[in-house]
Amino acid sequence: MATVIEGVIVGGAGGAVAGMSVYLVQYFHSKFSLKIDERIVYSWLEKNTSNEPGNQFRSTRAIASWNNVTEDRVRFVCSQSKRIFLSTGKVEDIWGIHEREETLSTDFIHG
């Protein structure tokens, strides 16, 4: 009877270790894939945008097309990145890497 209990304990511990190993491999794979895709998208935006008005952003579709990535993946990668910004202007679903400067209205400036 003792060997059966030992077998159950060893089997349970082995299963737990295997489960944790699979989880960790999947976790690190997803983080690694995200970093690789972010680097690809950021590099492409760096080459295809400038800090001049009208040339600061590119569409999700253009990024996806030029980098052979799905549009959903581009949206996910860009939204997770701290270096890539979503435009807050009239045109939706465009991304850029050049920081936006906040302008103050003269109504808010009081000496």
N, C-alpha and C. Protein backbone atom coordinates (compact mmCIF):
# COMPACT_ATOMS: atom_id res chain seq x y z
N MET A 1 0.81 -1.19 0.00
CA MET A 1 0.00 0.00 0.00
C MET A 1 0.86 1.27 0.00
N ALA A 2 1.99 1.25 0.68
CA ALA A 2 2.88 2.41 0.75
C ALA A 2 3.44 2.76 -0.62
N THR A 3 3.74 1.74 -1.44
CA THR A 3 4.30 2.01 -2.76
C THR A 3 3.26 2.67 -3.68
N VAL A 4 1.99 2.33 -3.49
CA VAL A 4 0.93 2.95 -4.28
C VAL A 4 0.82 4.43 -3.94
N ILE A 5 0.85 4.75 -2.66
CA ILE A 5 0.76 6.14 -2.22
C ILE A 5 1.98 6.93 -2.71
N GLU A 6 3.15 6.31 -2.61
CA GLU A 6 4.37 6.97 -3.10
C GLU A 6 4.28 7.22 -4.60
N GLY A 7 3.73 6.26 -5.33
CA GLY A 7 3.56 6.41 -6.77
C GLY A 7 2.61 7.54 -7.13
N VAL A 8 1.53 7.66 -6.37
CA VAL A 8 0.56 8.73 -6.60
C VAL A 8 1.22 10.09 -6.32
N ILE A 9 1.98 10.16 -5.23
CA ILE A 9 2.64 11.41 -4.88
C ILE A 9 3.68 11.79 -5.93
N VAL A 10 4.49 10.83 -6.35
CA VAL A 10 5.50 11.11 -7.37
C VAL A 10 4.84 11.49 -8.69
N GLY A 11 3.77 10.80 -9.06
CA GLY A 11 3.05 11.11 -10.29
C GLY A 11 2.42 12.50 -10.24
N GLY A 12 1.84 12.84 -9.11
CA GLY A 12 1.24 14.17 -8.95
C GLY A 12 2.28 15.27 -9.01
N ALA A 13 3.41 15.06 -8.34
CA ALA A 13 4.48 16.05 -8.36
C ALA A 13 5.04 16.20 -9.77
N GLY A 14 5.23 15.08 -10.45
CA GLY A 14 5.73 15.12 -11.83
C GLY A 14 4.78 15.85 -12.76
N GLY A 15 3.48 15.61 -12.59
CA GLY A 15 2.48 16.29 -13.39
C GLY A 15 2.47 17.79 -13.13
N ALA A 16 2.63 18.16 -11.86
CA ALA A 16 2.66 19.58 -11.51
C ALA A 16 3.87 20.27 -12.12
N VAL A 17 5.01 19.62 -12.06
CA VAL A 17 6.24 20.19 -12.65
C VAL A 17 6.08 20.30 -14.16
N ALA A 18 5.53 19.28 -14.79
CA ALA A 18 5.32 19.32 -16.24
C ALA A 18 4.36 20.44 -16.62
N GLY A 19 3.27 20.59 -15.85
CA GLY A 19 2.30 21.65 -16.13
C GLY A 19 2.92 23.04 -15.99
N MET A 20 3.70 23.24 -14.95
CA MET A 20 4.37 24.53 -14.77
C MET A 20 5.39 24.78 -15.88
N SER A 21 6.08 23.74 -16.30
CA SER A 21 7.06 23.89 -17.38
C SER A 21 6.38 24.33 -18.67
N VAL A 22 5.27 23.68 -19.00
CA VAL A 22 4.53 24.04 -20.22
C VAL A 22 4.05 25.49 -20.13
N TYR A 23 3.50 25.88 -18.97
CA TYR A 23 3.02 27.24 -18.78
C TYR A 23 4.15 28.25 -18.95
N LEU A 24 5.29 27.99 -18.35
CA LEU A 24 6.42 28.92 -18.45
C LEU A 24 6.95 29.03 -19.88
N VAL A 25 7.01 27.92 -20.58
CA VAL A 25 7.47 27.96 -21.98
C VAL A 25 6.50 28.78 -22.82
N GLN A 26 5.21 28.60 -22.63
CA GLN A 26 4.22 29.38 -23.38
C GLN A 26 4.31 30.86 -23.03
N TYR A 27 4.47 31.17 -21.76
CA TYR A 27 4.56 32.56 -21.31
C TYR A 27 5.76 33.26 -21.95
N PHE A 28 6.93 32.63 -21.85
CA PHE A 28 8.13 33.25 -22.41
C PHE A 28 8.07 33.32 -23.93
N HIS A 29 7.45 32.35 -24.57
CA HIS A 29 7.29 32.39 -26.02
C HIS A 29 6.42 33.57 -26.44
N SER A 30 5.32 33.80 -25.73
CA SER A 30 4.44 34.92 -26.09
C SER A 30 5.14 36.25 -25.86
N LYS A 31 5.89 36.39 -24.78
CA LYS A 31 6.62 37.64 -24.51
C LYS A 31 7.72 37.86 -25.56
N PHE A 32 8.42 36.80 -25.90
CA PHE A 32 9.48 36.88 -26.90
C PHE A 32 8.91 37.26 -28.27
N SER A 33 7.79 36.63 -28.65
CA SER A 33 7.14 36.94 -29.93
C SER A 33 6.67 38.39 -29.97
N LEU A 34 6.12 38.86 -28.85
CA LEU A 34 5.67 40.25 -28.78
C LEU A 34 6.83 41.21 -28.97
N LYS A 35 7.95 40.95 -28.32
CA LYS A 35 9.12 41.83 -28.46
C LYS A 35 9.66 41.82 -29.89
N ILE A 36 9.71 40.67 -30.50
CA ILE A 36 10.19 40.58 -31.89
C ILE A 36 9.26 41.37 -32.82
N ASP A 37 7.95 41.16 -32.70
CA ASP A 37 7.01 41.87 -33.55
C ASP A 37 7.04 43.37 -33.28
N GLU A 38 7.20 43.76 -32.02
CA GLU A 38 7.29 45.19 -31.71
C GLU A 38 8.52 45.81 -32.37
N ARG A 39 9.62 45.11 -32.31
CA ARG A 39 10.85 45.62 -32.92
C ARG A 39 10.68 45.76 -34.43
N ILE A 40 10.01 44.81 -35.06
CA ILE A 40 9.77 44.86 -36.51
C ILE A 40 8.89 46.06 -36.86
N VAL A 41 7.78 46.21 -36.13
CA VAL A 41 6.84 47.30 -36.41
C VAL A 41 7.49 48.65 -36.13
N TYR A 42 8.19 48.77 -35.01
CA TYR A 42 8.84 50.03 -34.66
C TYR A 42 9.88 50.42 -35.71
N SER A 43 10.68 49.46 -36.15
CA SER A 43 11.70 49.74 -37.18
C SER A 43 11.04 50.21 -38.47
N TRP A 44 9.94 49.58 -38.85
CA TRP A 44 9.25 49.97 -40.06
C TRP A 44 8.68 51.38 -39.92
N LEU A 45 8.08 51.68 -38.76
CA LEU A 45 7.55 53.03 -38.53
C LEU A 45 8.67 54.06 -38.51
N GLU A 46 9.80 53.69 -37.99
CA GLU A 46 10.94 54.61 -37.94
C GLU A 46 11.40 55.00 -39.35
N LYS A 47 11.36 54.03 -40.26
CA LYS A 47 11.78 54.29 -41.64
C LYS A 47 10.70 54.97 -42.47
N ASN A 48 9.44 54.78 -42.11
CA ASN A 48 8.34 55.24 -42.96
C ASN A 48 7.50 56.36 -42.37
N THR A 49 7.98 56.98 -41.30
CA THR A 49 7.32 58.16 -40.75
C THR A 49 8.38 59.20 -40.43
N SER A 50 7.93 60.41 -40.23
CA SER A 50 8.83 61.47 -39.79
C SER A 50 8.07 62.36 -38.82
N ASN A 51 8.74 63.26 -38.18
CA ASN A 51 8.10 64.12 -37.20
C ASN A 51 7.53 65.38 -37.85
N GLU A 52 7.13 65.27 -39.09
CA GLU A 52 6.51 66.38 -39.82
C GLU A 52 5.01 66.14 -39.91
N PRO A 53 4.21 67.20 -39.74
CA PRO A 53 2.76 67.04 -39.84
C PRO A 53 2.36 66.37 -41.16
N GLY A 54 1.46 65.42 -41.08
CA GLY A 54 1.01 64.69 -42.26
C GLY A 54 1.82 63.45 -42.55
N ASN A 55 2.93 63.26 -41.88
CA ASN A 55 3.77 62.10 -42.14
C ASN A 55 4.14 61.38 -40.83
N GLN A 56 3.39 61.65 -39.77
CA GLN A 56 3.73 61.08 -38.47
C GLN A 56 3.13 59.71 -38.22
N PHE A 57 2.07 59.34 -38.95
CA PHE A 57 1.35 58.12 -38.66
C PHE A 57 1.18 57.25 -39.90
N ARG A 58 0.99 55.95 -39.67
CA ARG A 58 0.68 55.00 -40.73
C ARG A 58 -0.47 54.12 -40.27
N SER A 59 -1.26 53.66 -41.22
CA SER A 59 -2.45 52.87 -40.89
C SER A 59 -2.07 51.45 -40.47
N THR A 60 -2.97 50.85 -39.72
CA THR A 60 -2.79 49.46 -39.30
C THR A 60 -2.65 48.56 -40.52
N ARG A 61 -3.46 48.83 -41.53
CA ARG A 61 -3.43 48.00 -42.75
C ARG A 61 -2.08 48.11 -43.46
N ALA A 62 -1.52 49.31 -43.55
CA ALA A 62 -0.23 49.49 -44.21
C ALA A 62 0.88 48.77 -43.43
N ILE A 63 0.86 48.93 -42.12
CA ILE A 63 1.87 48.26 -41.29
C ILE A 63 1.78 46.75 -41.45
N ALA A 64 0.55 46.23 -41.40
CA ALA A 64 0.35 44.78 -41.53
C ALA A 64 0.80 44.28 -42.89
N SER A 65 0.44 45.01 -43.91
CA SER A 65 0.77 44.60 -45.27
C SER A 65 2.28 44.57 -45.52
N TRP A 66 2.97 45.61 -45.12
CA TRP A 66 4.40 45.71 -45.37
C TRP A 66 5.23 44.77 -44.51
N ASN A 67 4.68 44.35 -43.36
CA ASN A 67 5.45 43.51 -42.45
C ASN A 67 4.95 42.07 -42.37
N ASN A 68 3.99 41.72 -43.24
CA ASN A 68 3.47 40.36 -43.31
C ASN A 68 2.96 39.88 -41.96
N VAL A 69 2.14 40.72 -41.34
CA VAL A 69 1.53 40.44 -40.04
C VAL A 69 0.05 40.74 -40.18
N THR A 70 -0.79 40.07 -39.42
CA THR A 70 -2.23 40.37 -39.50
C THR A 70 -2.52 41.73 -38.87
N GLU A 71 -3.63 42.32 -39.29
CA GLU A 71 -4.02 43.62 -38.73
C GLU A 71 -4.30 43.51 -37.23
N ASP A 72 -4.90 42.42 -36.81
CA ASP A 72 -5.16 42.23 -35.37
C ASP A 72 -3.86 42.16 -34.58
N ARG A 73 -2.86 41.50 -35.15
CA ARG A 73 -1.57 41.41 -34.46
C ARG A 73 -0.91 42.79 -34.37
N VAL A 74 -1.02 43.58 -35.44
CA VAL A 74 -0.46 44.93 -35.42
C VAL A 74 -1.13 45.76 -34.33
N ARG A 75 -2.46 45.69 -34.26
CA ARG A 75 -3.17 46.44 -33.22
C ARG A 75 -2.72 46.00 -31.82
N PHE A 76 -2.59 44.70 -31.62
CA PHE A 76 -2.18 44.19 -30.32
C PHE A 76 -0.76 44.64 -29.97
N VAL A 77 0.16 44.46 -30.91
CA VAL A 77 1.56 44.82 -30.67
C VAL A 77 1.67 46.32 -30.39
N CYS A 78 1.02 47.13 -31.20
CA CYS A 78 1.12 48.58 -31.03
C CYS A 78 0.48 49.02 -29.71
N SER A 79 -0.61 48.41 -29.34
CA SER A 79 -1.27 48.80 -28.10
C SER A 79 -0.48 48.36 -26.87
N GLN A 80 0.34 47.33 -26.99
CA GLN A 80 1.15 46.86 -25.88
C GLN A 80 2.47 47.62 -25.76
N SER A 81 2.89 48.24 -26.84
CA SER A 81 4.18 48.93 -26.86
C SER A 81 4.10 50.29 -26.18
N LYS A 82 5.14 50.63 -25.46
CA LYS A 82 5.23 51.96 -24.85
C LYS A 82 5.88 52.95 -25.81
N ARG A 83 6.40 52.46 -26.93
CA ARG A 83 7.10 53.33 -27.88
C ARG A 83 6.26 53.68 -29.09
N ILE A 84 5.09 53.06 -29.24
CA ILE A 84 4.24 53.29 -30.41
C ILE A 84 2.93 53.89 -29.92
N PHE A 85 2.49 54.96 -30.59
CA PHE A 85 1.32 55.71 -30.15
C PHE A 85 0.18 55.61 -31.15
N LEU A 86 -1.04 55.53 -30.64
CA LEU A 86 -2.24 55.58 -31.47
C LEU A 86 -2.60 57.05 -31.68
N SER A 87 -2.96 57.39 -32.90
CA SER A 87 -3.36 58.76 -33.19
C SER A 87 -4.66 59.08 -32.47
N THR A 88 -4.74 60.28 -31.95
CA THR A 88 -5.99 60.72 -31.32
C THR A 88 -6.71 61.74 -32.19
N GLY A 89 -6.31 61.83 -33.44
CA GLY A 89 -6.92 62.78 -34.37
C GLY A 89 -8.19 62.25 -35.00
N LYS A 90 -8.59 62.88 -36.09
CA LYS A 90 -9.83 62.53 -36.77
C LYS A 90 -9.76 61.16 -37.45
N VAL A 91 -8.59 60.80 -37.96
CA VAL A 91 -8.44 59.52 -38.66
C VAL A 91 -8.18 58.44 -37.61
N GLU A 92 -8.94 57.36 -37.69
CA GLU A 92 -8.81 56.27 -36.72
C GLU A 92 -7.85 55.20 -37.23
N ASP A 93 -7.35 54.43 -36.29
CA ASP A 93 -6.57 53.22 -36.57
C ASP A 93 -5.25 53.52 -37.29
N ILE A 94 -4.57 54.60 -36.86
CA ILE A 94 -3.24 54.89 -37.38
C ILE A 94 -2.27 55.02 -36.20
N TRP A 95 -1.02 54.65 -36.45
CA TRP A 95 -0.02 54.55 -35.41
C TRP A 95 1.24 55.33 -35.78
N GLY A 96 1.94 55.81 -34.76
CA GLY A 96 3.18 56.54 -34.99
C GLY A 96 4.14 56.36 -33.82
N ILE A 97 5.36 56.86 -34.01
CA ILE A 97 6.37 56.73 -32.96
C ILE A 97 6.85 58.08 -32.45
N HIS A 98 6.43 59.14 -33.10
CA HIS A 98 6.86 60.47 -32.70
C HIS A 98 5.90 61.01 -31.66
N GLU A 99 6.43 61.42 -30.53
CA GLU A 99 5.59 61.88 -29.43
C GLU A 99 4.83 63.14 -29.80
N ARG A 100 3.63 63.18 -29.32
CA ARG A 100 2.79 64.35 -29.56
C ARG A 100 3.07 65.37 -28.47
N GLU A 101 3.14 66.61 -28.86
CA GLU A 101 3.32 67.67 -27.89
C GLU A 101 1.97 68.24 -27.53
N GLU A 102 1.73 68.40 -26.25
CA GLU A 102 0.48 69.00 -25.78
C GLU A 102 0.62 70.52 -25.89
N THR A 103 -0.38 71.14 -26.47
CA THR A 103 -0.37 72.60 -26.57
C THR A 103 -1.36 73.16 -25.57
N LEU A 104 -0.97 74.22 -24.93
CA LEU A 104 -1.83 74.86 -23.95
C LEU A 104 -2.60 75.99 -24.62
N SER A 105 -3.86 76.06 -24.28
CA SER A 105 -4.68 77.15 -24.75
C SER A 105 -4.38 78.38 -23.90
N THR A 106 -4.50 79.57 -24.49
CA THR A 106 -4.24 80.78 -23.72
C THR A 106 -5.29 80.98 -22.64
N ASP A 107 -6.43 80.27 -22.72
CA ASP A 107 -7.46 80.38 -21.69
C ASP A 107 -6.97 79.81 -20.36
N PHE A 108 -6.03 78.88 -20.40
CA PHE A 108 -5.56 78.22 -19.20
C PHE A 108 -4.34 78.87 -18.59
N ILE A 109 -3.76 79.82 -19.29
CA ILE A 109 -2.54 80.47 -18.79
C ILE A 109 -2.94 81.76 -18.07
N HIS A 110 -2.71 81.77 -16.80
CA HIS A 110 -2.97 82.96 -15.99
C HIS A 110 -1.72 83.27 -15.20
N GLY A 111 -1.14 84.47 -15.42
CA GLY A 111 0.10 84.88 -14.82
C GLY A 111 0.12 84.82 -13.38
